[in-house]
């Protein structure tokens, strides 16, 4: 067994009503796609900090990062997160449809971060 220890603990953002949007989004994906994203997140858990091509900060959005996953069928997915007190909080996940991440996806992640900061 490996002696590796997690550097980050992954947590799902939870709304005040109790839903976990990233977990729900992952459940909608195929088993293969869930596995790919899970392995990418696990790589960050044990290897943080990690840069491109797996992870990068989001320019113009303080302390937001993205996990960059290559899914089956040539699709790409992003999971936006932030780090607080050794925890990687997964805020928003989506399959990219355009080259540039949409402002609405970024705004949603930023809002969830703010909500998490406020409500813990």
C-alpha atoms as a PDB file:
ATOM      1  CA  UNK A   1       0.000   0.000   0.000  1.00  0.00           C
ATOM      2  CA  UNK A   2       1.197   3.508  -0.794  1.00  0.00           C
ATOM      3  CA  UNK A   3       2.415   5.973   1.822  1.00  0.00           C
ATOM      4  CA  UNK A   4       0.892   8.901  -0.061  1.00  0.00           C
ATOM      5  CA  UNK A   5      -1.262  11.219   1.981  1.00  0.00           C
ATOM      6  CA  UNK A   6      -3.918  13.590   0.788  1.00  0.00           C
ATOM      7  CA  UNK A   7      -2.873  17.202   0.643  1.00  0.00           C
ATOM      8  CA  UNK A   8      -6.439  18.369   0.027  1.00  0.00           C
ATOM      9  CA  UNK A   9      -9.737  16.949   1.217  1.00  0.00           C
ATOM     10  CA  UNK A  10     -12.460  17.150  -1.417  1.00  0.00           C
ATOM     11  CA  UNK A  11     -15.857  18.500  -0.394  1.00  0.00           C
ATOM     12  CA  UNK A  12     -18.918  19.166  -2.498  1.00  0.00           C
ATOM     13  CA  UNK A  13     -20.511  22.596  -2.301  1.00  0.00           C
ATOM     14  CA  UNK A  14     -23.894  22.191  -0.621  1.00  0.00           C
ATOM     15  CA  UNK A  15     -26.795  24.594  -1.108  1.00  0.00           C
ATOM     16  CA  UNK A  16     -28.871  25.790   1.839  1.00  0.00           C
ATOM     17  CA  UNK A  17     -31.573  23.347   0.701  1.00  0.00           C
ATOM     18  CA  UNK A  18     -29.085  20.464   0.973  1.00  0.00           C
ATOM     19  CA  UNK A  19     -28.416  19.694  -2.687  1.00  0.00           C
ATOM     20  CA  UNK A  20     -24.894  19.119  -3.989  1.00  0.00           C
ATOM     21  CA  UNK A  21     -24.902  20.367  -7.607  1.00  0.00           C
ATOM     22  CA  UNK A  22     -21.533  18.903  -8.634  1.00  0.00           C
ATOM     23  CA  UNK A  23     -22.356  15.476  -7.198  1.00  0.00           C
ATOM     24  CA  UNK A  24     -25.720  15.569  -9.008  1.00  0.00           C
ATOM     25  CA  UNK A  25     -24.028  16.578 -12.283  1.00  0.00           C
ATOM     26  CA  UNK A  26     -21.488  13.755 -11.951  1.00  0.00           C
ATOM     27  CA  UNK A  27     -24.293  11.219 -11.490  1.00  0.00           C
ATOM     28  CA  UNK A  28     -25.711  12.270 -14.871  1.00  0.00           C
ATOM     29  CA  UNK A  29     -22.466  11.392 -16.651  1.00  0.00           C
ATOM     30  CA  UNK A  30     -21.444   7.984 -17.934  1.00  0.00           C
ATOM     31  CA  UNK A  31     -19.462   5.669 -15.679  1.00  0.00           C
ATOM     32  CA  UNK A  32     -16.356   6.198 -17.845  1.00  0.00           C
ATOM     33  CA  UNK A  33     -16.643   9.994 -17.670  1.00  0.00           C
ATOM     34  CA  UNK A  34     -17.190   9.911 -13.889  1.00  0.00           C
ATOM     35  CA  UNK A  35     -14.077   7.760 -13.557  1.00  0.00           C
ATOM     36  CA  UNK A  36     -11.961  10.181 -15.622  1.00  0.00           C
ATOM     37  CA  UNK A  37     -13.059  13.209 -13.606  1.00  0.00           C
ATOM     38  CA  UNK A  38     -12.643  11.315 -10.337  1.00  0.00           C
ATOM     39  CA  UNK A  39      -9.076  10.328 -11.218  1.00  0.00           C
ATOM     40  CA  UNK A  40      -8.253  13.918 -12.167  1.00  0.00           C
ATOM     41  CA  UNK A  41      -9.623  15.193  -8.855  1.00  0.00           C
ATOM     42  CA  UNK A  42      -7.746  12.458  -6.983  1.00  0.00           C
ATOM     43  CA  UNK A  43      -4.511  13.547  -8.673  1.00  0.00           C
ATOM     44  CA  UNK A  44      -5.077  17.043  -7.261  1.00  0.00           C
ATOM     45  CA  UNK A  45      -5.937  15.688  -3.800  1.00  0.00           C
ATOM     46  CA  UNK A  46      -2.597  13.916  -3.529  1.00  0.00           C
ATOM     47  CA  UNK A  47      -0.403  16.181  -5.657  1.00  0.00           C
ATOM     48  CA  UNK A  48      -1.498  19.763  -4.980  1.00  0.00           C
ATOM     49  CA  UNK A  49      -0.296  22.168  -6.264  1.00  0.00           C
ATOM     50  CA  UNK A  50      -0.478  20.950  -9.866  1.00  0.00           C
ATOM     51  CA  UNK A  51      -0.566  23.147 -12.937  1.00  0.00           C
ATOM     52  CA  UNK A  52      -1.390  22.726 -16.590  1.00  0.00           C
ATOM     53  CA  UNK A  53      -2.646  20.732 -18.357  1.00  0.00           C
ATOM     54  CA  UNK A  54      -4.698  19.316 -15.453  1.00  0.00           C
ATOM     55  CA  UNK A  55      -5.389  22.434 -13.422  1.00  0.00           C
ATOM     56  CA  UNK A  56      -5.198  26.186 -13.725  1.00  0.00           C
ATOM     57  CA  UNK A  57      -6.399  29.291 -11.968  1.00  0.00           C
ATOM     58  CA  UNK A  58      -9.233  31.207 -13.571  1.00  0.00           C
ATOM     59  CA  UNK A  59      -8.073  34.643 -14.614  1.00  0.00           C
ATOM     60  CA  UNK A  60     -10.191  37.445 -13.191  1.00  0.00           C
ATOM     61  CA  UNK A  61     -11.819  35.264 -10.528  1.00  0.00           C
ATOM     62  CA  UNK A  62      -9.933  35.422  -7.264  1.00  0.00           C
ATOM     63  CA  UNK A  63      -8.997  32.025  -5.892  1.00  0.00           C
ATOM     64  CA  UNK A  64     -11.096  30.013  -8.368  1.00  0.00           C
ATOM     65  CA  UNK A  65      -9.434  27.061 -10.101  1.00  0.00           C
ATOM     66  CA  UNK A  66     -10.528  24.532 -12.683  1.00  0.00           C
ATOM     67  CA  UNK A  67      -9.898  20.824 -13.087  1.00  0.00           C
ATOM     68  CA  UNK A  68      -9.508  20.171 -16.811  1.00  0.00           C
ATOM     69  CA  UNK A  69     -10.701  16.702 -17.849  1.00  0.00           C
ATOM     70  CA  UNK A  70     -10.696  15.049 -21.273  1.00  0.00           C
ATOM     71  CA  UNK A  71     -13.803  12.895 -21.503  1.00  0.00           C
ATOM     72  CA  UNK A  72     -14.806  10.110 -23.850  1.00  0.00           C
ATOM     73  CA  UNK A  73     -15.812  11.081 -27.372  1.00  0.00           C
ATOM     74  CA  UNK A  74     -13.396  14.013 -27.489  1.00  0.00           C
ATOM     75  CA  UNK A  75     -15.450  16.118 -25.078  1.00  0.00           C
ATOM     76  CA  UNK A  76     -13.942  18.198 -22.301  1.00  0.00           C
ATOM     77  CA  UNK A  77     -15.253  18.925 -18.835  1.00  0.00           C
ATOM     78  CA  UNK A  78     -14.409  21.445 -16.170  1.00  0.00           C
ATOM     79  CA  UNK A  79     -14.927  21.346 -12.439  1.00  0.00           C
ATOM     80  CA  UNK A  80     -14.489  24.749 -10.823  1.00  0.00           C
ATOM     81  CA  UNK A  81     -13.305  24.781  -7.227  1.00  0.00           C
ATOM     82  CA  UNK A  82     -11.625  26.841  -4.565  1.00  0.00           C
ATOM     83  CA  UNK A  83      -9.442  25.907  -1.634  1.00  0.00           C
ATOM     84  CA  UNK A  84     -10.103  26.863   1.954  1.00  0.00           C
ATOM     85  CA  UNK A  85      -8.359  25.467   5.027  1.00  0.00           C
ATOM     86  CA  UNK A  86      -7.007  22.420   3.187  1.00  0.00           C
ATOM     87  CA  UNK A  87     -10.333  21.615   1.566  1.00  0.00           C
ATOM     88  CA  UNK A  88     -11.017  21.589  -2.160  1.00  0.00           C
ATOM     89  CA  UNK A  89     -14.623  22.768  -2.468  1.00  0.00           C
ATOM     90  CA  UNK A  90     -16.177  21.631  -5.769  1.00  0.00           C
ATOM     91  CA  UNK A  91     -18.448  24.469  -6.842  1.00  0.00           C
ATOM     92  CA  UNK A  92     -19.581  23.798 -10.408  1.00  0.00           C
ATOM     93  CA  UNK A  93     -19.110  21.144 -13.080  1.00  0.00           C
ATOM     94  CA  UNK A  94     -19.982  21.195 -16.762  1.00  0.00           C
ATOM     95  CA  UNK A  95     -19.098  19.819 -20.184  1.00  0.00           C
ATOM     96  CA  UNK A  96     -17.631  22.588 -22.301  1.00  0.00           C
ATOM     97  CA  UNK A  97     -19.461  23.431 -25.493  1.00  0.00           C
ATOM     98  CA  UNK A  98     -17.283  26.354 -26.624  1.00  0.00           C
ATOM     99  CA  UNK A  99     -13.603  27.259 -26.530  1.00  0.00           C
ATOM    100  CA  UNK A 100     -14.101  29.840 -23.809  1.00  0.00           C
ATOM    101  CA  UNK A 101     -15.835  29.139 -20.500  1.00  0.00           C
ATOM    102  CA  UNK A 102     -19.134  30.984 -20.472  1.00  0.00           C
ATOM    103  CA  UNK A 103     -19.538  33.998 -18.179  1.00  0.00           C
ATOM    104  CA  UNK A 104     -22.655  32.358 -16.702  1.00  0.00           C
ATOM    105  CA  UNK A 105     -20.656  29.283 -15.605  1.00  0.00           C
ATOM    106  CA  UNK A 106     -18.030  31.508 -14.003  1.00  0.00           C
ATOM    107  CA  UNK A 107     -20.663  33.689 -12.314  1.00  0.00           C
ATOM    108  CA  UNK A 108     -22.418  30.612 -10.903  1.00  0.00           C
ATOM    109  CA  UNK A 109     -19.170  29.262  -9.458  1.00  0.00           C
ATOM    110  CA  UNK A 110     -18.326  32.675  -7.964  1.00  0.00           C
ATOM    111  CA  UNK A 111     -21.801  32.922  -6.404  1.00  0.00           C
ATOM    112  CA  UNK A 112     -21.503  29.445  -4.897  1.00  0.00           C
ATOM    113  CA  UNK A 113     -18.084  30.317  -3.492  1.00  0.00           C
ATOM    114  CA  UNK A 114     -19.537  33.424  -1.871  1.00  0.00           C
ATOM    115  CA  UNK A 115     -22.475  31.387  -0.501  1.00  0.00           C
ATOM    116  CA  UNK A 116     -20.086  28.770   0.889  1.00  0.00           C
ATOM    117  CA  UNK A 117     -17.968  31.440   2.566  1.00  0.00           C
ATOM    118  CA  UNK A 118     -21.094  32.946   4.126  1.00  0.00           C
ATOM    119  CA  UNK A 119     -22.868  29.729   5.152  1.00  0.00           C
ATOM    120  CA  UNK A 120     -19.930  27.352   5.618  1.00  0.00           C
END
